[in-house]
Amino acid sequence: MKRVDLILSERELDKVIKAIEASGAPGYSVMKHVTGKGPHGVVSDAMDFSGLGANAHVILFCEPEILPKLREGIQPLLDYYGGVAFVAEANPL
């Protein structure tokens, strides 16, 4: 099983979720208003009022066969809008 972590702008969340659902992934979890520091600098906590500039963290677990279709749908969005995606092995407890 694979774990996919996506960090992206909340503005693009609907597009990314559509791509995840189209890939056949069985589900996902979304955490909104993610802040932190990445290669482009710090995301401010001061985005609370408007949400403008806030990020989301999407986590999903899927079988390896899903990854090519997921990559096909997600990569163009990340290339155009920005964001990152990582894939790791996941072993159930």
Protein backbone atom coordinates (compact mmCIF):
# COMPACT_ATOMS: atom_id res chain seq x y z
CA MET A 1 0.00 0.00 0.00
CA LYS A 2 1.15 3.57 -0.72
CA ARG A 3 0.65 6.78 1.24
CA VAL A 4 0.40 9.98 -0.77
CA ASP A 5 0.82 13.37 0.94
CA LEU A 6 -0.11 16.53 -0.95
CA ILE A 7 0.48 20.09 0.26
CA LEU A 8 -1.23 22.67 -1.93
CA SER A 9 -3.17 25.91 -1.92
CA GLU A 10 -6.71 25.56 -0.56
CA ARG A 11 -7.90 27.42 -3.67
CA GLU A 12 -6.98 24.39 -5.79
CA LEU A 13 -8.40 21.80 -3.39
CA ASP A 14 -11.57 21.08 -5.40
CA LYS A 15 -9.57 20.41 -8.58
CA VAL A 16 -7.20 18.08 -6.72
CA ILE A 17 -10.06 16.17 -5.07
CA LYS A 18 -11.68 15.64 -8.47
CA ALA A 19 -8.39 14.23 -9.77
CA ILE A 20 -8.09 11.95 -6.73
CA GLU A 21 -11.62 10.64 -7.19
CA ALA A 22 -11.07 10.13 -10.95
CA SER A 23 -7.95 8.05 -10.20
CA GLY A 24 -9.95 5.42 -8.35
CA ALA A 25 -8.35 6.09 -4.97
CA PRO A 26 -10.61 4.70 -2.23
CA GLY A 27 -10.64 7.86 -0.10
CA TYR A 28 -8.65 10.74 1.33
CA SER A 29 -8.35 13.04 4.34
CA VAL A 30 -8.04 16.84 4.17
CA MET A 31 -6.57 19.17 6.76
CA LYS A 32 -7.14 22.83 5.96
CA HIS A 33 -5.24 25.94 7.05
CA VAL A 34 -1.88 24.18 7.17
CA THR A 35 1.03 26.45 7.99
CA GLY A 36 4.74 25.91 8.12
CA LYS A 37 8.00 26.62 6.36
CA GLY A 38 9.00 25.20 3.02
CA PRO A 39 11.51 26.02 0.31
CA HIS A 40 9.53 29.15 -0.64
CA GLY A 41 9.43 30.57 2.88
CA VAL A 42 6.98 30.71 5.76
CA VAL A 43 3.19 30.57 5.39
CA SER A 44 1.75 33.09 7.82
CA ASP A 45 -0.86 32.30 10.47
CA ALA A 46 -2.31 35.75 9.69
CA MET A 47 -4.39 34.26 6.86
CA ASP A 48 -7.22 33.34 9.28
CA PHE A 49 -9.64 36.08 8.24
CA SER A 50 -9.61 35.67 4.47
CA GLY A 51 -8.04 32.23 4.07
CA LEU A 52 -6.19 33.72 1.10
CA GLY A 53 -2.87 31.97 0.76
CA ALA A 54 -3.76 29.14 3.14
CA ASN A 55 -2.59 25.62 2.34
CA ALA A 56 -4.23 22.23 2.69
CA HIS A 57 -2.68 18.84 3.45
CA VAL A 58 -4.33 15.90 1.68
CA ILE A 59 -3.43 12.34 2.70
CA LEU A 60 -4.56 9.25 0.87
CA PHE A 61 -3.75 5.58 0.91
CA CYS A 62 -4.03 3.44 -2.20
CA GLU A 63 -2.70 0.39 -3.97
CA PRO A 64 0.34 0.96 -6.23
CA GLU A 65 -1.75 0.41 -9.38
CA ILE A 66 -3.63 3.67 -8.66
CA LEU A 67 -0.46 5.83 -8.72
CA PRO A 68 -0.06 6.28 -12.50
CA LYS A 69 -3.62 7.59 -12.94
CA LEU A 70 -3.30 9.70 -9.79
CA ARG A 71 -0.01 11.20 -11.03
CA GLU A 72 -1.60 11.89 -14.43
CA GLY A 73 -4.37 13.94 -12.80
CA ILE A 74 -2.40 15.63 -10.02
CA GLN A 75 0.96 16.51 -11.61
CA PRO A 76 -0.38 19.07 -14.12
CA LEU A 77 -2.21 20.84 -11.27
CA LEU A 78 0.94 20.94 -9.12
CA ASP A 79 3.03 22.12 -12.07
CA TYR A 80 0.60 24.95 -12.85
CA TYR A 81 -0.60 26.04 -9.39
CA GLY A 82 2.29 24.88 -7.21
CA GLY A 83 2.38 22.48 -4.32
CA VAL A 84 4.18 19.26 -3.52
CA ALA A 85 3.34 15.56 -3.47
CA PHE A 86 5.21 12.67 -1.89
CA VAL A 87 4.66 8.93 -2.04
CA ALA A 88 5.78 6.54 0.69
CA GLU A 89 5.24 2.93 1.66
CA ALA A 90 2.44 2.37 4.15
CA ASN A 91 2.01 -0.75 6.26
CA PRO A 92 -1.18 -1.27 8.24
CA LEU A 93 -0.76 -1.91 11.96
